[in-house]
């Protein structure tokens, strides 16, 4: 039985390139699942990007979703909390809790995340806060930043997700309650 690896695909270019690198490096030695946590508030173009990437990966994307909450707005209404020092509650319920549930069911041996070379401190915090998870960071190992990931996606002939084309730094939700920069809200 091969070790199990899950590559967490968020419809961002970094997670797409992470997934492609994992499939190339570990495809012969690991059972690999490409998993995406669906958040209804994300731009609908993320579905097109996921479909294009699945063709590029040569493998489908497993769509996961919260069984408890229908949307971020549902989380905010029921939890009576949007975002604060600890981050956005919708991220916990719509992404992290979904990931935790998947981990319990599938028992991955290794998990891949799309932290870029310029996010090493963030990746190290994740490793320290989750010592039970064996992680790989292919972009950090390869020295790739977000701009390099954009270029790789462009060379693959895949159109960037709409949120990037609108000038945002990430392909996450429209009106992300965790966004702090005035430039984000000006867009």
N, C-alpha and C. Protein backbone atom coordinates (compact mmCIF):
# COMPACT_ATOMS: atom_id res chain seq x y z
N UNK A 1 0.84 -1.18 0.00
CA UNK A 1 0.00 0.00 0.00
C UNK A 1 0.88 1.25 0.00
N UNK A 2 0.59 2.17 -0.92
CA UNK A 2 1.37 3.40 -1.03
C UNK A 2 0.98 4.39 0.06
N UNK A 3 1.94 5.25 0.47
CA UNK A 3 1.58 6.33 1.39
C UNK A 3 0.59 7.27 0.71
N UNK A 4 -0.23 7.91 1.52
CA UNK A 4 -1.26 8.81 1.00
C UNK A 4 -0.81 10.26 1.13
N UNK A 5 -0.98 11.02 0.05
CA UNK A 5 -0.65 12.43 0.05
C UNK A 5 -1.87 13.21 -0.42
N UNK A 6 -2.22 14.26 0.30
CA UNK A 6 -3.28 15.17 -0.14
C UNK A 6 -2.63 16.51 -0.45
N UNK A 7 -2.93 17.02 -1.63
CA UNK A 7 -2.50 18.36 -2.01
C UNK A 7 -3.72 19.26 -1.90
N UNK A 8 -3.63 20.25 -1.04
CA UNK A 8 -4.75 21.15 -0.79
C UNK A 8 -4.77 22.23 -1.86
N UNK A 9 -5.78 22.19 -2.70
CA UNK A 9 -5.93 23.07 -3.85
C UNK A 9 -7.01 24.10 -3.54
N UNK A 10 -6.62 25.38 -3.51
CA UNK A 10 -7.56 26.44 -3.14
C UNK A 10 -8.03 27.28 -4.32
N UNK A 11 -7.66 26.89 -5.52
CA UNK A 11 -7.95 27.66 -6.73
C UNK A 11 -7.06 28.89 -6.85
N UNK A 12 -5.96 28.92 -6.11
CA UNK A 12 -4.94 29.93 -6.29
C UNK A 12 -3.81 29.35 -7.12
N UNK A 13 -3.01 30.22 -7.70
CA UNK A 13 -1.91 29.72 -8.53
C UNK A 13 -0.87 28.96 -7.71
N UNK A 14 -0.65 29.39 -6.47
CA UNK A 14 0.35 28.71 -5.64
C UNK A 14 -0.06 27.27 -5.36
N UNK A 15 -1.32 27.06 -5.01
CA UNK A 15 -1.76 25.69 -4.72
C UNK A 15 -1.83 24.86 -6.00
N UNK A 16 -2.09 25.49 -7.13
CA UNK A 16 -2.10 24.76 -8.40
C UNK A 16 -0.69 24.27 -8.74
N UNK A 17 0.29 25.14 -8.62
CA UNK A 17 1.67 24.74 -8.92
C UNK A 17 2.16 23.73 -7.90
N UNK A 18 1.79 23.91 -6.63
CA UNK A 18 2.12 22.92 -5.60
C UNK A 18 1.61 21.54 -6.00
N UNK A 19 0.37 21.49 -6.43
CA UNK A 19 -0.24 20.22 -6.83
C UNK A 19 0.49 19.61 -8.01
N UNK A 20 0.81 20.40 -9.01
CA UNK A 20 1.52 19.89 -10.19
C UNK A 20 2.89 19.34 -9.79
N UNK A 21 3.59 20.05 -8.92
CA UNK A 21 4.90 19.58 -8.45
C UNK A 21 4.77 18.28 -7.65
N UNK A 22 3.74 18.18 -6.82
CA UNK A 22 3.53 16.95 -6.04
C UNK A 22 3.22 15.77 -6.94
N UNK A 23 2.37 15.99 -7.93
CA UNK A 23 2.04 14.90 -8.86
C UNK A 23 3.27 14.43 -9.60
N UNK A 24 4.14 15.36 -9.96
CA UNK A 24 5.37 15.01 -10.67
C UNK A 24 6.34 14.26 -9.77
N UNK A 25 6.52 14.76 -8.56
CA UNK A 25 7.51 14.18 -7.65
C UNK A 25 7.03 12.90 -6.96
N UNK A 26 5.76 12.86 -6.55
CA UNK A 26 5.28 11.76 -5.73
C UNK A 26 4.28 10.84 -6.45
N UNK A 27 3.94 11.15 -7.68
CA UNK A 27 2.89 10.41 -8.38
C UNK A 27 3.13 8.91 -8.47
N UNK A 28 4.38 8.51 -8.62
CA UNK A 28 4.69 7.08 -8.76
C UNK A 28 4.79 6.37 -7.41
N UNK A 29 4.98 7.14 -6.34
CA UNK A 29 5.24 6.52 -5.04
C UNK A 29 4.12 6.68 -4.02
N UNK A 30 3.16 7.58 -4.31
CA UNK A 30 2.10 7.89 -3.35
C UNK A 30 0.72 7.82 -4.03
N UNK A 31 -0.30 7.51 -3.24
CA UNK A 31 -1.68 7.72 -3.67
C UNK A 31 -1.95 9.20 -3.39
N UNK A 32 -2.32 9.94 -4.43
CA UNK A 32 -2.49 11.38 -4.28
C UNK A 32 -3.93 11.78 -4.53
N UNK A 33 -4.44 12.59 -3.62
CA UNK A 33 -5.75 13.21 -3.79
C UNK A 33 -5.52 14.71 -3.84
N UNK A 34 -6.15 15.35 -4.81
CA UNK A 34 -6.16 16.80 -4.90
C UNK A 34 -7.50 17.24 -4.32
N UNK A 35 -7.46 17.93 -3.19
CA UNK A 35 -8.69 18.28 -2.47
C UNK A 35 -8.90 19.78 -2.42
N UNK A 36 -10.15 20.17 -2.62
CA UNK A 36 -10.55 21.58 -2.60
C UNK A 36 -11.71 21.75 -1.65
N UNK A 37 -11.61 22.72 -0.76
CA UNK A 37 -12.72 23.08 0.13
C UNK A 37 -13.55 24.16 -0.55
N UNK A 38 -14.77 23.81 -0.91
CA UNK A 38 -15.66 24.72 -1.62
C UNK A 38 -16.21 25.77 -0.65
N UNK A 39 -16.09 27.02 -1.04
CA UNK A 39 -16.67 28.14 -0.29
C UNK A 39 -17.56 28.90 -1.26
N UNK A 40 -18.89 28.91 -1.03
CA UNK A 40 -19.81 29.51 -2.00
C UNK A 40 -19.53 30.98 -2.32
N UNK A 41 -18.92 31.71 -1.40
CA UNK A 41 -18.66 33.13 -1.64
C UNK A 41 -17.47 33.39 -2.56
N UNK A 42 -16.69 32.37 -2.88
CA UNK A 42 -15.58 32.57 -3.81
C UNK A 42 -16.14 32.92 -5.19
N UNK A 43 -15.32 33.58 -5.98
CA UNK A 43 -15.74 33.95 -7.33
C UNK A 43 -16.06 32.68 -8.12
N UNK A 44 -17.12 32.71 -8.88
CA UNK A 44 -17.54 31.53 -9.65
C UNK A 44 -16.50 31.10 -10.68
N UNK A 45 -15.62 32.02 -11.08
CA UNK A 45 -14.57 31.67 -12.04
C UNK A 45 -13.59 30.65 -11.45
N UNK A 46 -13.57 30.51 -10.12
CA UNK A 46 -12.70 29.50 -9.51
C UNK A 46 -13.08 28.10 -9.99
N UNK A 47 -14.36 27.88 -10.28
CA UNK A 47 -14.79 26.57 -10.79
C UNK A 47 -14.16 26.30 -12.16
N UNK A 48 -14.13 27.33 -13.01
CA UNK A 48 -13.50 27.19 -14.32
C UNK A 48 -12.00 26.91 -14.16
N UNK A 49 -11.35 27.65 -13.25
CA UNK A 49 -9.92 27.46 -13.01
C UNK A 49 -9.65 26.04 -12.50
N UNK A 50 -10.48 25.56 -11.58
CA UNK A 50 -10.31 24.20 -11.05
C UNK A 50 -10.45 23.17 -12.17
N UNK A 51 -11.40 23.36 -13.04
CA UNK A 51 -11.59 22.44 -14.17
C UNK A 51 -10.39 22.46 -15.11
N UNK A 52 -9.89 23.66 -15.42
CA UNK A 52 -8.70 23.78 -16.28
C UNK A 52 -7.49 23.11 -15.62
N UNK A 53 -7.35 23.32 -14.32
CA UNK A 53 -6.22 22.73 -13.61
C UNK A 53 -6.33 21.21 -13.55
N UNK A 54 -7.52 20.68 -13.39
CA UNK A 54 -7.69 19.22 -13.36
C UNK A 54 -7.17 18.61 -14.66
N UNK A 55 -7.43 19.27 -15.78
CA UNK A 55 -6.90 18.78 -17.07
C UNK A 55 -5.38 18.84 -17.04
N UNK A 56 -4.82 19.95 -16.58
CA UNK A 56 -3.37 20.12 -16.48
C UNK A 56 -2.75 19.09 -15.53
N UNK A 57 -3.43 18.83 -14.42
CA UNK A 57 -2.94 17.84 -13.46
C UNK A 57 -3.01 16.42 -14.02
N UNK A 58 -3.96 16.19 -14.93
CA UNK A 58 -4.23 14.83 -15.38
C UNK A 58 -4.95 14.03 -14.31
N UNK A 59 -5.63 14.73 -13.44
CA UNK A 59 -6.32 14.12 -12.30
C UNK A 59 -7.42 15.05 -11.83
N UNK A 60 -8.52 14.47 -11.41
CA UNK A 60 -9.64 15.26 -10.92
C UNK A 60 -9.37 15.90 -9.58
N UNK A 61 -10.21 16.84 -9.24
CA UNK A 61 -10.15 17.55 -7.96
C UNK A 61 -11.33 17.09 -7.12
N UNK A 62 -11.06 16.64 -5.91
CA UNK A 62 -12.10 16.23 -4.98
C UNK A 62 -12.66 17.47 -4.29
N UNK A 63 -13.93 17.76 -4.55
CA UNK A 63 -14.58 18.92 -3.94
C UNK A 63 -15.17 18.52 -2.60
N UNK A 64 -14.76 19.24 -1.56
CA UNK A 64 -15.25 19.01 -0.21
C UNK A 64 -16.01 20.26 0.24
N UNK A 65 -16.99 20.09 1.10
CA UNK A 65 -17.75 21.23 1.59
C UNK A 65 -18.22 20.95 3.01
N UNK A 66 -18.49 22.01 3.71
CA UNK A 66 -19.02 21.91 5.06
C UNK A 66 -20.37 21.20 5.04
N UNK A 67 -20.56 20.29 5.96
CA UNK A 67 -21.86 19.65 6.11
C UNK A 67 -22.71 20.38 7.15
N UNK A 68 -22.08 21.33 7.85
CA UNK A 68 -22.78 22.06 8.91
C UNK A 68 -23.24 23.45 8.47
N UNK A 69 -22.48 24.09 7.60
CA UNK A 69 -22.79 25.45 7.18
C UNK A 69 -22.95 25.52 5.67
N UNK A 70 -23.91 26.32 5.22
CA UNK A 70 -24.18 26.45 3.79
C UNK A 70 -23.30 27.50 3.12
N UNK A 71 -22.80 28.45 3.92
CA UNK A 71 -22.03 29.56 3.36
C UNK A 71 -21.31 30.29 4.48
N UNK A 72 -20.46 31.23 4.08
CA UNK A 72 -19.80 32.08 5.08
C UNK A 72 -20.84 32.89 5.84
N UNK A 73 -21.81 33.41 5.12
CA UNK A 73 -22.86 34.20 5.77
C UNK A 73 -23.61 33.36 6.81
N UNK A 74 -23.82 32.10 6.52
CA UNK A 74 -24.45 31.19 7.48
C UNK A 74 -23.58 31.06 8.73
N UNK A 75 -22.26 30.96 8.54
CA UNK A 75 -21.33 30.90 9.68
C UNK A 75 -21.45 32.17 10.51
N UNK A 76 -21.37 33.32 9.87
CA UNK A 76 -21.41 34.59 10.60
C UNK A 76 -22.71 34.74 11.38
N UNK A 77 -23.81 34.39 10.76
CA UNK A 77 -25.11 34.54 11.40
C UNK A 77 -25.23 33.61 12.60
N UNK A 78 -24.87 32.36 12.42
CA UNK A 78 -25.05 31.39 13.50
C UNK A 78 -24.01 31.53 14.60
N UNK A 79 -22.77 31.86 14.24
CA UNK A 79 -21.70 31.99 15.23
C UNK A 79 -21.65 33.39 15.84
N UNK A 80 -22.32 34.34 15.18
CA UNK A 80 -22.35 35.73 15.63
C UNK A 80 -20.94 36.31 15.72
N UNK A 81 -20.13 35.95 14.73
CA UNK A 81 -18.73 36.39 14.70
C UNK A 81 -18.26 36.35 13.25
N UNK A 82 -17.56 37.40 12.84
CA UNK A 82 -17.04 37.42 11.47
C UNK A 82 -15.52 37.24 11.48
N UNK A 83 -14.80 38.23 12.00
CA UNK A 83 -13.34 38.17 11.96
C UNK A 83 -12.76 39.01 13.08
N UNK A 84 -11.60 38.60 13.54
CA UNK A 84 -10.91 39.32 14.60
C UNK A 84 -9.45 38.94 14.64
N UNK A 85 -8.85 39.11 15.79
CA UNK A 85 -7.43 38.84 15.96
C UNK A 85 -7.09 37.40 15.56
N UNK A 86 -7.96 36.47 15.85
CA UNK A 86 -7.73 35.07 15.53
C UNK A 86 -8.08 34.69 14.10
N UNK A 87 -8.46 35.67 13.28
CA UNK A 87 -8.81 35.37 11.90
C UNK A 87 -10.31 35.32 11.68
N UNK A 88 -10.70 34.85 10.53
CA UNK A 88 -12.11 34.80 10.15
C UNK A 88 -12.73 33.46 10.55
N UNK A 89 -13.89 33.53 11.18
CA UNK A 89 -14.58 32.30 11.61
C UNK A 89 -14.99 31.44 10.42
N UNK A 90 -15.29 32.09 9.30
CA UNK A 90 -15.68 31.32 8.11
C UNK A 90 -14.52 30.47 7.60
N UNK A 91 -13.29 30.95 7.74
CA UNK A 91 -12.13 30.14 7.34
C UNK A 91 -12.07 28.86 8.16
N UNK A 92 -12.31 29.01 9.46
CA UNK A 92 -12.29 27.83 10.34
C UNK A 92 -13.37 26.84 9.92
N UNK A 93 -14.59 27.31 9.75
CA UNK A 93 -15.71 26.41 9.51
C UNK A 93 -15.80 25.90 8.07
N UNK A 94 -15.45 26.73 7.11
CA UNK A 94 -15.62 26.36 5.70
C UNK A 94 -14.38 25.70 5.09
N UNK A 95 -13.22 25.89 5.74
CA UNK A 95 -11.99 25.30 5.20
C UNK A 95 -11.30 24.37 6.21
N UNK A 96 -10.94 24.91 7.38
CA UNK A 96 -10.19 24.09 8.33
C UNK A 96 -11.00 22.90 8.85
N UNK A 97 -12.23 23.13 9.27
CA UNK A 97 -13.05 22.03 9.79
C UNK A 97 -13.30 20.98 8.72
N UNK A 98 -13.46 21.43 7.49
CA UNK A 98 -13.64 20.49 6.37
C UNK A 98 -12.37 19.67 6.18
N UNK A 99 -11.22 20.34 6.27
CA UNK A 99 -9.93 19.63 6.16
C UNK A 99 -9.78 18.62 7.29
N UNK A 100 -10.10 19.04 8.51
CA UNK A 100 -9.99 18.13 9.66
C UNK A 100 -10.85 16.90 9.48
N UNK A 101 -12.06 17.08 8.98
CA UNK A 101 -12.96 15.95 8.75
C UNK A 101 -12.38 15.01 7.70
N UNK A 102 -11.84 15.58 6.64
CA UNK A 102 -11.22 14.77 5.59
C UNK A 102 -10.03 13.98 6.16
N UNK A 103 -9.22 14.63 6.97
CA UNK A 103 -8.07 13.95 7.58
C UNK A 103 -8.51 12.75 8.40
N UNK A 104 -9.60 12.89 9.14
CA UNK A 104 -10.11 11.78 9.96
C UNK A 104 -10.57 10.61 9.11
N UNK A 105 -11.15 10.91 7.96
CA UNK A 105 -11.69 9.86 7.10
C UNK A 105 -10.62 9.21 6.21
N UNK A 106 -9.72 10.02 5.65
CA UNK A 106 -8.78 9.50 4.64
C UNK A 106 -7.40 9.16 5.22
N UNK A 107 -7.04 9.74 6.34
CA UNK A 107 -5.78 9.48 7.03
C UNK A 107 -4.56 9.70 6.11
N UNK A 108 -4.37 10.92 5.61
CA UNK A 108 -3.19 11.15 4.76
C UNK A 108 -1.90 11.02 5.56
N UNK A 109 -0.89 10.48 4.90
CA UNK A 109 0.43 10.39 5.52
C UNK A 109 1.19 11.70 5.38
N UNK A 110 0.92 12.41 4.29
CA UNK A 110 1.60 13.67 3.99
C UNK A 110 0.57 14.64 3.43
N UNK A 111 0.75 15.92 3.77
CA UNK A 111 -0.13 16.95 3.23
C UNK A 111 0.72 18.05 2.60
N UNK A 112 0.30 18.51 1.43
CA UNK A 112 1.01 19.55 0.70
C UNK A 112 0.20 20.84 0.72
N UNK A 113 0.87 21.93 1.03
CA UNK A 113 0.26 23.25 1.06
C UNK A 113 1.05 24.19 0.18
N UNK A 114 0.37 25.16 -0.39
CA UNK A 114 0.98 26.07 -1.36
C UNK A 114 1.61 27.31 -0.78
N UNK A 115 2.35 27.17 0.30
CA UNK A 115 3.08 28.32 0.81
C UNK A 115 4.23 28.63 -0.13
N UNK A 116 4.36 29.90 -0.50
CA UNK A 116 5.41 30.31 -1.44
C UNK A 116 6.71 30.60 -0.71
N UNK A 117 7.77 30.78 -1.49
CA UNK A 117 9.10 31.01 -0.91
C UNK A 117 9.12 32.21 0.02
N UNK A 118 8.31 33.22 -0.26
CA UNK A 118 8.28 34.41 0.59
C UNK A 118 7.34 34.24 1.79
N UNK A 119 6.76 33.06 1.96
CA UNK A 119 5.88 32.79 3.10
C UNK A 119 6.49 31.77 4.07
N UNK A 120 7.80 31.68 4.11
CA UNK A 120 8.45 30.70 4.98
C UNK A 120 8.05 30.85 6.45
N UNK A 121 7.98 32.07 7.00
CA UNK A 121 7.56 32.18 8.41
C UNK A 121 6.14 31.64 8.64
N UNK A 122 5.24 31.90 7.70
CA UNK A 122 3.86 31.40 7.81
C UNK A 122 3.85 29.87 7.75
N UNK A 123 4.63 29.31 6.86
CA UNK A 123 4.71 27.85 6.74
C UNK A 123 5.29 27.23 8.01
N UNK A 124 6.28 27.87 8.58
CA UNK A 124 6.89 27.36 9.80
C UNK A 124 5.90 27.44 10.97
N UNK A 125 5.10 28.52 11.02
CA UNK A 125 4.06 28.61 12.06
C UNK A 125 3.05 27.47 11.91
N UNK A 126 2.68 27.16 10.66
CA UNK A 126 1.75 26.06 10.44
C UNK A 126 2.35 24.76 10.96
N UNK A 127 3.61 24.53 10.63
CA UNK A 127 4.28 23.30 11.08
C UNK A 127 4.33 23.23 12.60
N UNK A 128 4.66 24.33 13.25
CA UNK A 128 4.73 24.36 14.72
C UNK A 128 3.36 24.19 15.36
N UNK A 129 2.33 24.76 14.76
CA UNK A 129 0.97 24.68 15.32
C UNK A 129 0.28 23.36 15.00
N UNK A 130 0.85 22.58 14.08
CA UNK A 130 0.25 21.31 13.66
C UNK A 130 1.31 20.21 13.61
N UNK A 131 1.97 19.93 14.74
CA UNK A 131 3.09 18.98 14.72
C UNK A 131 2.67 17.55 14.33
N UNK A 132 1.39 17.26 14.42
CA UNK A 132 0.90 15.92 14.07
C UNK A 132 0.78 15.72 12.56
N UNK A 133 0.93 16.78 11.78
CA UNK A 133 0.79 16.69 10.33
C UNK A 133 2.16 16.68 9.67
N UNK A 134 2.41 15.67 8.85
CA UNK A 134 3.63 15.66 8.02
C UNK A 134 3.32 16.51 6.80
N UNK A 135 4.06 17.60 6.66
CA UNK A 135 3.79 18.54 5.57
C UNK A 135 4.96 18.62 4.60
N UNK A 136 4.61 18.96 3.36
CA UNK A 136 5.62 19.31 2.37
C UNK A 136 5.24 20.67 1.79
N UNK A 137 6.27 21.44 1.48
CA UNK A 137 6.09 22.77 0.91
C UNK A 137 6.91 22.85 -0.38
N UNK A 138 6.39 22.30 -1.47
CA UNK A 138 7.16 22.25 -2.72
C UNK A 138 7.59 23.61 -3.26
N UNK A 139 6.80 24.63 -3.06
CA UNK A 139 7.17 25.95 -3.58
C UNK A 139 8.34 26.54 -2.82
N UNK A 140 8.35 26.36 -1.52
CA UNK A 140 9.48 26.83 -0.71
C UNK A 140 10.73 26.06 -1.10
N UNK A 141 10.60 24.74 -1.24
CA UNK A 141 11.74 23.91 -1.63
C UNK A 141 12.31 24.33 -2.98
N UNK A 142 11.43 24.76 -3.89
CA UNK A 142 11.87 25.16 -5.24
C UNK A 142 12.20 26.65 -5.34
N UNK A 143 11.99 27.40 -4.26
CA UNK A 143 12.27 28.83 -4.27
C UNK A 143 11.29 29.64 -5.11
N UNK A 144 10.05 29.17 -5.23
CA UNK A 144 9.06 29.84 -6.08
C UNK A 144 8.17 30.79 -5.28
N UNK A 145 8.04 32.03 -5.77
CA UNK A 145 7.12 32.98 -5.16
C UNK A 145 5.83 33.02 -5.98
N UNK A 146 4.90 33.88 -5.57
CA UNK A 146 3.59 33.92 -6.23
C UNK A 146 3.71 34.33 -7.69
N UNK A 147 4.59 35.30 -7.98
CA UNK A 147 4.75 35.74 -9.37
C UNK A 147 5.26 34.59 -10.25
N UNK A 148 6.16 33.78 -9.72
CA UNK A 148 6.65 32.62 -10.47
C UNK A 148 5.51 31.64 -10.71
N UNK A 149 4.63 31.47 -9.73
CA UNK A 149 3.48 30.58 -9.90
C UNK A 149 2.53 31.11 -10.97
N UNK A 150 2.28 32.41 -10.95
CA UNK A 150 1.46 33.02 -12.01
C UNK A 150 2.05 32.72 -13.38
N UNK A 151 3.37 32.87 -13.49
CA UNK A 151 4.04 32.65 -14.78
C UNK A 151 3.94 31.19 -15.22
N UNK A 152 4.06 30.26 -14.29
CA UNK A 152 3.95 28.83 -14.61
C UNK A 152 2.55 28.52 -15.13
N UNK A 153 1.54 29.07 -14.46
CA UNK A 153 0.15 28.86 -14.89
C UNK A 153 -0.06 29.47 -16.28
N UNK A 154 0.49 30.65 -16.49
CA UNK A 154 0.38 31.31 -17.80
C UNK A 154 1.03 30.46 -18.89
N UNK A 155 2.23 29.93 -18.61
CA UNK A 155 2.92 29.08 -19.59
C UNK A 155 2.16 27.79 -19.87
N UNK A 156 1.37 27.34 -18.89
CA UNK A 156 0.55 26.14 -19.09
C UNK A 156 -0.68 26.43 -19.94
N UNK A 157 -0.89 27.71 -20.25
CA UNK A 157 -2.02 28.09 -21.08
C UNK A 157 -3.33 28.21 -20.31
N UNK A 158 -3.23 28.35 -19.00
CA UNK A 158 -4.43 28.45 -18.16
C UNK A 158 -4.63 29.92 -17.79
N UNK A 159 -5.84 30.40 -17.98
CA UNK A 159 -6.18 31.78 -17.62
C UNK A 159 -6.26 31.87 -16.10
N UNK A 160 -5.61 32.90 -15.55
CA UNK A 160 -5.65 33.10 -14.10
C UNK A 160 -7.08 33.27 -13.61
N UNK A 161 -7.35 32.89 -12.36
CA UNK A 161 -8.68 33.11 -11.80
C UNK A 161 -9.06 34.60 -11.85
N UNK A 162 -10.32 34.87 -11.98
CA UNK A 162 -10.84 36.23 -12.13
C UNK A 162 -10.38 37.16 -11.01
N UNK A 163 -10.32 36.68 -9.78
CA UNK A 163 -9.92 37.55 -8.66
C UNK A 163 -8.52 38.12 -8.88
N UNK A 164 -7.60 37.32 -9.40
CA UNK A 164 -6.26 37.84 -9.73
C UNK A 164 -6.37 38.88 -10.84
N UNK A 165 -7.18 38.59 -11.85
CA UNK A 165 -7.32 39.51 -12.98
C UNK A 165 -8.00 40.81 -12.58
N UNK A 166 -8.72 40.79 -11.46
CA UNK A 166 -9.33 42.01 -10.93
C UNK A 166 -8.35 42.79 -10.05
N UNK A 167 -7.15 42.25 -9.85
CA UNK A 167 -6.12 42.94 -9.08
C UNK A 167 -5.94 42.48 -7.66
N UNK A 168 -6.62 41.41 -7.24
CA UNK A 168 -6.47 40.90 -5.89
C UNK A 168 -5.25 39.99 -5.79
N UNK A 169 -4.70 39.88 -4.58
CA UNK A 169 -3.51 39.05 -4.37
C UNK A 169 -3.83 37.57 -4.24
N UNK A 170 -5.09 37.24 -3.98
CA UNK A 170 -5.50 35.84 -3.77
C UNK A 170 -6.79 35.57 -4.53
N UNK A 171 -7.07 34.30 -4.72
CA UNK A 171 -8.30 33.90 -5.43
C UNK A 171 -9.36 33.46 -4.43
N UNK A 172 -9.43 34.17 -3.30
CA UNK A 172 -10.42 33.76 -2.31
C UNK A 172 -11.70 34.56 -2.46
N UNK A 173 -12.47 34.65 -1.43
CA UNK A 173 -13.82 35.22 -1.51
C UNK A 173 -13.83 36.69 -1.93
N UNK A 174 -14.90 37.03 -2.63
CA UNK A 174 -15.17 38.44 -2.91
C UNK A 174 -15.61 39.04 -1.58
N UNK A 175 -15.03 40.16 -1.22
CA UNK A 175 -15.41 40.77 0.06
C UNK A 175 -14.96 39.98 1.26
N UNK A 176 -13.74 39.47 1.23
CA UNK A 176 -13.21 38.66 2.34
C UNK A 176 -13.18 39.47 3.63
N UNK A 177 -13.85 38.98 4.67
CA UNK A 177 -13.92 39.70 5.94
C UNK A 177 -12.60 39.69 6.70
N UNK A 178 -11.65 38.89 6.25
CA UNK A 178 -10.34 38.83 6.89
C UNK A 178 -9.37 39.83 6.26
N UNK A 179 -9.76 40.44 5.15
CA UNK A 179 -8.89 41.40 4.47
C UNK A 179 -8.73 42.65 5.31
N UNK A 180 -7.51 43.13 5.44
CA UNK A 180 -7.23 44.30 6.26
C UNK A 180 -6.77 45.50 5.44
N UNK A 181 -6.22 45.28 4.28
CA UNK A 181 -5.62 46.37 3.51
C UNK A 181 -6.69 47.25 2.86
N UNK A 182 -6.55 48.56 2.99
CA UNK A 182 -7.49 49.47 2.32
C UNK A 182 -7.52 49.24 0.80
N UNK A 183 -6.39 48.86 0.22
CA UNK A 183 -6.36 48.63 -1.23
C UNK A 183 -7.29 47.47 -1.63
N UNK A 184 -7.42 46.48 -0.75
CA UNK A 184 -8.34 45.38 -1.03
C UNK A 184 -9.77 45.92 -1.12
N UNK A 185 -10.17 46.68 -0.12
CA UNK A 185 -11.53 47.19 -0.07
C UNK A 185 -11.79 48.25 -1.14
N UNK A 186 -10.76 48.97 -1.56
CA UNK A 186 -10.93 49.93 -2.65
C UNK A 186 -11.26 49.23 -3.95
N UNK A 187 -10.81 47.99 -4.14
CA UNK A 187 -11.13 47.24 -5.35
C UNK A 187 -12.57 46.79 -5.31
